Every structure is written in C-alpha cells, then in structure tokens.
Amino acid sequence: MIARSYGRIVNISSTAYLGQNFGQANYASAKAGVIGLTKALGMELAQYGITVNCVAPGLIDTPATRAYEKKTTDRIVNRIPLRHPGEIADIAAAVLFLASDDSKFITREVIHVSGGVVGM
C-alpha cells in the first residue's frame, strides 16, 4: 500500500468498546484497542494515501446472538432506537463503503452500525 501510495484498511471492533456491559472488561478492552489502533495507524499512514477506519457493530443477528436467552435479547433490543438487531449485510455495507473511493476523505473514523444505540 505504501509503495502504491494508496490503500484502505477497515478494522472491525464492537460497540462493546464503550464498556457498558457487565462482565466484559476483557472484551471491551480488546475492542477499545482496535479503535486505538485505527486512530494511530490512520495518523501514521495518511501521508501515504492510506485511510484507516473502523466499523463497530452493535447487536447483529448471528448464530451466536440467536443463542442468547430471550430476556437478554429483549433487554438489548429495547435499548436500540430502531428496535431490532442488525443484519450481517449491514456490516458488509459499511465495510464496502469504507473500502471504496466513496470514502476517500474519511480516515481515523469509527462507524457505529448499531441501530442508533451509540450517539444517544
């Protein structure tokens, strides 16, 4: 990427980096680290025409989240302004945008694909 003076790096974190869930200190720390990496690399690589951004999903309908107890899923969904989990395709669309030239002037940013949870 440096040799070509062009590149797109898209990291994946999670809204868990905000540290709002009990029992997830280790997970929240790891996801916050991805955000820090995004910010630092974005600064370092900008001079080479490389953008570095991050997608931070909220609750996404996956086999893993379908295994949650109903009361847990209901509690989470009730905090989502759009009142439903996201889909894997929602994450893919954000990544595709950040990997495209449509985002050529966006770097060091975190896009929350969370149904409106982050930013409330």
C-alpha atoms as a PDB file:
ATOM      1  CA  MET A   1       0.000   0.000   0.000  1.00  0.00           C
ATOM      2  CA  ILE A   2       2.800   2.393   0.872  1.00  0.00           C
ATOM      3  CA  ALA A   3       4.600   1.644  -2.406  1.00  0.00           C
ATOM      4  CA  ARG A   4       1.394   2.357  -4.343  1.00  0.00           C
ATOM      5  CA  SER A   5       0.526   5.440  -2.243  1.00  0.00           C
ATOM      6  CA  TYR A   6      -2.987   4.066  -1.925  1.00  0.00           C
ATOM      7  CA  GLY A   7      -4.875   1.781   0.374  1.00  0.00           C
ATOM      8  CA  ARG A   8      -7.921   1.190   2.513  1.00  0.00           C
ATOM      9  CA  ILE A   9      -7.786  -0.529   5.883  1.00  0.00           C
ATOM     10  CA  VAL A  10     -11.063  -1.337   7.595  1.00  0.00           C
ATOM     11  CA  ASN A  11     -10.899  -2.739  11.109  1.00  0.00           C
ATOM     12  CA  ILE A  12     -13.800  -4.371  12.928  1.00  0.00           C
ATOM     13  CA  SER A  13     -14.439  -3.575  16.584  1.00  0.00           C
ATOM     14  CA  SER A  14     -17.722  -3.605  18.522  1.00  0.00           C
ATOM     15  CA  THR A  15     -19.834  -1.127  20.434  1.00  0.00           C
ATOM     16  CA  ALA A  16     -18.708  -3.154  23.442  1.00  0.00           C
ATOM     17  CA  TYR A  17     -15.599  -0.926  23.444  1.00  0.00           C
ATOM     18  CA  LEU A  18     -17.747   1.601  25.321  1.00  0.00           C
ATOM     19  CA  GLY A  19     -17.643  -0.649  28.393  1.00  0.00           C
ATOM     20  CA  GLN A  20     -21.382  -0.614  29.046  1.00  0.00           C
ATOM     21  CA  ASN A  21     -21.895  -4.312  29.781  1.00  0.00           C
ATOM     22  CA  PHE A  22     -21.096  -6.183  32.981  1.00  0.00           C
ATOM     23  CA  GLY A  23     -18.578  -8.991  32.800  1.00  0.00           C
ATOM     24  CA  GLN A  24     -16.934  -7.825  29.604  1.00  0.00           C
ATOM     25  CA  ALA A  25     -13.885  -5.898  30.794  1.00  0.00           C
ATOM     26  CA  ASN A  26     -11.543  -8.081  28.754  1.00  0.00           C
ATOM     27  CA  TYR A  27     -13.692  -7.902  25.595  1.00  0.00           C
ATOM     28  CA  ALA A  28     -14.287  -4.157  25.940  1.00  0.00           C
ATOM     29  CA  SER A  29     -10.556  -3.576  26.386  1.00  0.00           C
ATOM     30  CA  ALA A  30      -9.706  -5.596  23.295  1.00  0.00           C
ATOM     31  CA  LYS A  31     -12.279  -3.753  21.190  1.00  0.00           C
ATOM     32  CA  ALA A  32     -11.094  -0.381  22.512  1.00  0.00           C
ATOM     33  CA  GLY A  33      -7.595  -1.413  21.450  1.00  0.00           C
ATOM     34  CA  VAL A  34      -8.831  -1.877  17.884  1.00  0.00           C
ATOM     35  CA  ILE A  35     -10.191   1.682  17.980  1.00  0.00           C
ATOM     36  CA  GLY A  36      -6.840   2.975  19.255  1.00  0.00           C
ATOM     37  CA  LEU A  37      -5.013   1.064  16.528  1.00  0.00           C
ATOM     38  CA  THR A  38      -7.346   2.573  13.932  1.00  0.00           C
ATOM     39  CA  LYS A  39      -6.694   6.107  15.163  1.00  0.00           C
ATOM     40  CA  ALA A  40      -2.903   5.659  15.396  1.00  0.00           C
ATOM     41  CA  LEU A  41      -2.471   3.896  12.053  1.00  0.00           C
ATOM     42  CA  GLY A  42      -4.783   6.400  10.411  1.00  0.00           C
ATOM     43  CA  MET A  43      -2.473   9.189  11.534  1.00  0.00           C
ATOM     44  CA  GLU A  44       0.701   7.348  10.532  1.00  0.00           C
ATOM     45  CA  LEU A  45      -0.484   6.124   7.128  1.00  0.00           C
ATOM     46  CA  ALA A  46      -2.360   9.202   5.902  1.00  0.00           C
ATOM     47  CA  GLN A  47       0.832  10.620   4.404  1.00  0.00           C
ATOM     48  CA  TYR A  48       0.916   7.597   2.093  1.00  0.00           C
ATOM     49  CA  GLY A  49      -2.659   7.976   0.855  1.00  0.00           C
ATOM     50  CA  ILE A  50      -3.881   5.119   3.042  1.00  0.00           C
ATOM     51  CA  THR A  51      -7.084   5.512   5.007  1.00  0.00           C
ATOM     52  CA  VAL A  52      -7.760   3.530   8.172  1.00  0.00           C
ATOM     53  CA  ASN A  53     -11.270   3.290   9.565  1.00  0.00           C
ATOM     54  CA  CYS A  54     -13.270   1.014  11.806  1.00  0.00           C
ATOM     55  CA  VAL A  55     -16.751  -0.477  11.893  1.00  0.00           C
ATOM     56  CA  ALA A  56     -18.215  -1.037  15.358  1.00  0.00           C
ATOM     57  CA  PRO A  57     -21.322  -3.226  15.202  1.00  0.00           C
ATOM     58  CA  GLY A  58     -23.973  -3.360  17.875  1.00  0.00           C
ATOM     59  CA  LEU A  59     -26.332  -6.318  18.194  1.00  0.00           C
ATOM     60  CA  ILE A  60     -26.246  -8.265  14.930  1.00  0.00           C
ATOM     61  CA  ASP A  61     -28.440 -11.267  14.152  1.00  0.00           C
ATOM     62  CA  THR A  62     -25.955 -14.147  14.024  1.00  0.00           C
ATOM     63  CA  PRO A  63     -25.992 -17.761  15.188  1.00  0.00           C
ATOM     64  CA  ALA A  64     -24.112 -16.641  18.316  1.00  0.00           C
ATOM     65  CA  THR A  65     -26.614 -13.927  19.250  1.00  0.00           C
ATOM     66  CA  ARG A  66     -29.554 -16.223  18.482  1.00  0.00           C
ATOM     67  CA  ALA A  67     -28.242 -18.419  21.309  1.00  0.00           C
ATOM     68  CA  TYR A  68     -28.789 -15.623  23.874  1.00  0.00           C
ATOM     69  CA  GLU A  69     -31.575 -16.089  26.389  1.00  0.00           C
ATOM     70  CA  LYS A  70     -34.745 -14.333  25.236  1.00  0.00           C
ATOM     71  CA  LYS A  71     -34.699 -11.935  28.179  1.00  0.00           C
ATOM     72  CA  THR A  72     -31.150 -10.896  27.285  1.00  0.00           C
ATOM     73  CA  THR A  73     -32.053 -10.295  23.628  1.00  0.00           C
ATOM     74  CA  ASP A  74     -35.197  -8.390  24.632  1.00  0.00           C
ATOM     75  CA  ARG A  75     -33.221  -6.173  27.023  1.00  0.00           C
ATOM     76  CA  ILE A  76     -30.704  -5.319  24.304  1.00  0.00           C
ATOM     77  CA  VAL A  77     -33.310  -4.761  21.584  1.00  0.00           C
ATOM     78  CA  ASN A  78     -35.268  -2.428  23.870  1.00  0.00           C
ATOM     79  CA  ARG A  79     -32.189  -0.157  24.007  1.00  0.00           C
ATOM     80  CA  ILE A  80     -31.954   0.028  20.193  1.00  0.00           C
ATOM     81  CA  PRO A  81     -33.878   3.004  18.757  1.00  0.00           C
ATOM     82  CA  LEU A  82     -34.650   1.007  15.586  1.00  0.00           C
ATOM     83  CA  ARG A  83     -35.971  -1.816  17.854  1.00  0.00           C
ATOM     84  CA  HIS A  84     -34.350  -4.741  16.043  1.00  0.00           C
ATOM     85  CA  PRO A  85     -30.922  -6.308  15.624  1.00  0.00           C
ATOM     86  CA  GLY A  86     -28.843  -5.524  12.578  1.00  0.00           C
ATOM     87  CA  GLU A  87     -28.006  -7.994   9.851  1.00  0.00           C
ATOM     88  CA  ILE A  88     -24.617  -9.190   8.691  1.00  0.00           C
ATOM     89  CA  ALA A  89     -25.277  -7.372   5.399  1.00  0.00           C
ATOM     90  CA  ASP A  90     -25.424  -4.077   7.340  1.00  0.00           C
ATOM     91  CA  ILE A  91     -21.840  -4.605   8.474  1.00  0.00           C
ATOM     92  CA  ALA A  92     -20.767  -5.622   4.973  1.00  0.00           C
ATOM     93  CA  ALA A  93     -22.294  -2.446   3.504  1.00  0.00           C
ATOM     94  CA  ALA A  94     -20.360  -0.229   5.918  1.00  0.00           C
ATOM     95  CA  VAL A  95     -17.114  -2.085   5.173  1.00  0.00           C
ATOM     96  CA  LEU A  96     -17.733  -1.843   1.418  1.00  0.00           C
ATOM     97  CA  PHE A  97     -18.274   1.917   1.705  1.00  0.00           C
ATOM     98  CA  LEU A  98     -15.082   2.412   3.712  1.00  0.00           C
ATOM     99  CA  ALA A  99     -13.105   0.240   1.278  1.00  0.00           C
ATOM    100  CA  SER A 100     -14.355   2.222  -1.718  1.00  0.00           C
ATOM    101  CA  ASP A 101     -13.243   5.512  -3.206  1.00  0.00           C
ATOM    102  CA  ASP A 102     -16.543   6.991  -1.993  1.00  0.00           C
ATOM    103  CA  SER A 103     -14.820   7.325   1.389  1.00  0.00           C
ATOM    104  CA  LYS A 104     -11.566   8.807   0.088  1.00  0.00           C
ATOM    105  CA  PHE A 105     -11.643  11.740   2.529  1.00  0.00           C
ATOM    106  CA  ILE A 106     -12.603   9.688   5.567  1.00  0.00           C
ATOM    107  CA  THR A 107      -9.904   8.327   7.830  1.00  0.00           C
ATOM    108  CA  ARG A 108      -9.435   7.576  11.558  1.00  0.00           C
ATOM    109  CA  GLU A 109     -13.207   7.249  11.993  1.00  0.00           C
ATOM    110  CA  VAL A 110     -15.431   4.722  13.716  1.00  0.00           C
ATOM    111  CA  ILE A 111     -18.759   3.949  12.064  1.00  0.00           C
ATOM    112  CA  HIS A 112     -21.242   2.555  14.568  1.00  0.00           C
ATOM    113  CA  VAL A 113     -23.629   0.130  12.918  1.00  0.00           C
ATOM    114  CA  SER A 114     -25.819  -0.087  15.983  1.00  0.00           C
ATOM    115  CA  GLY A 115     -29.366   0.904  15.071  1.00  0.00           C
ATOM    116  CA  GLY A 116     -28.826   4.211  16.835  1.00  0.00           C
ATOM    117  CA  VAL A 117     -27.591   2.930  20.198  1.00  0.00           C
ATOM    118  CA  VAL A 118     -24.320   4.849  20.038  1.00  0.00           C
ATOM    119  CA  GLY A 119     -24.798   8.587  19.855  1.00  0.00           C
ATOM    120  CA  MET A 120     -27.894   8.701  22.041  1.00  0.00           C
END
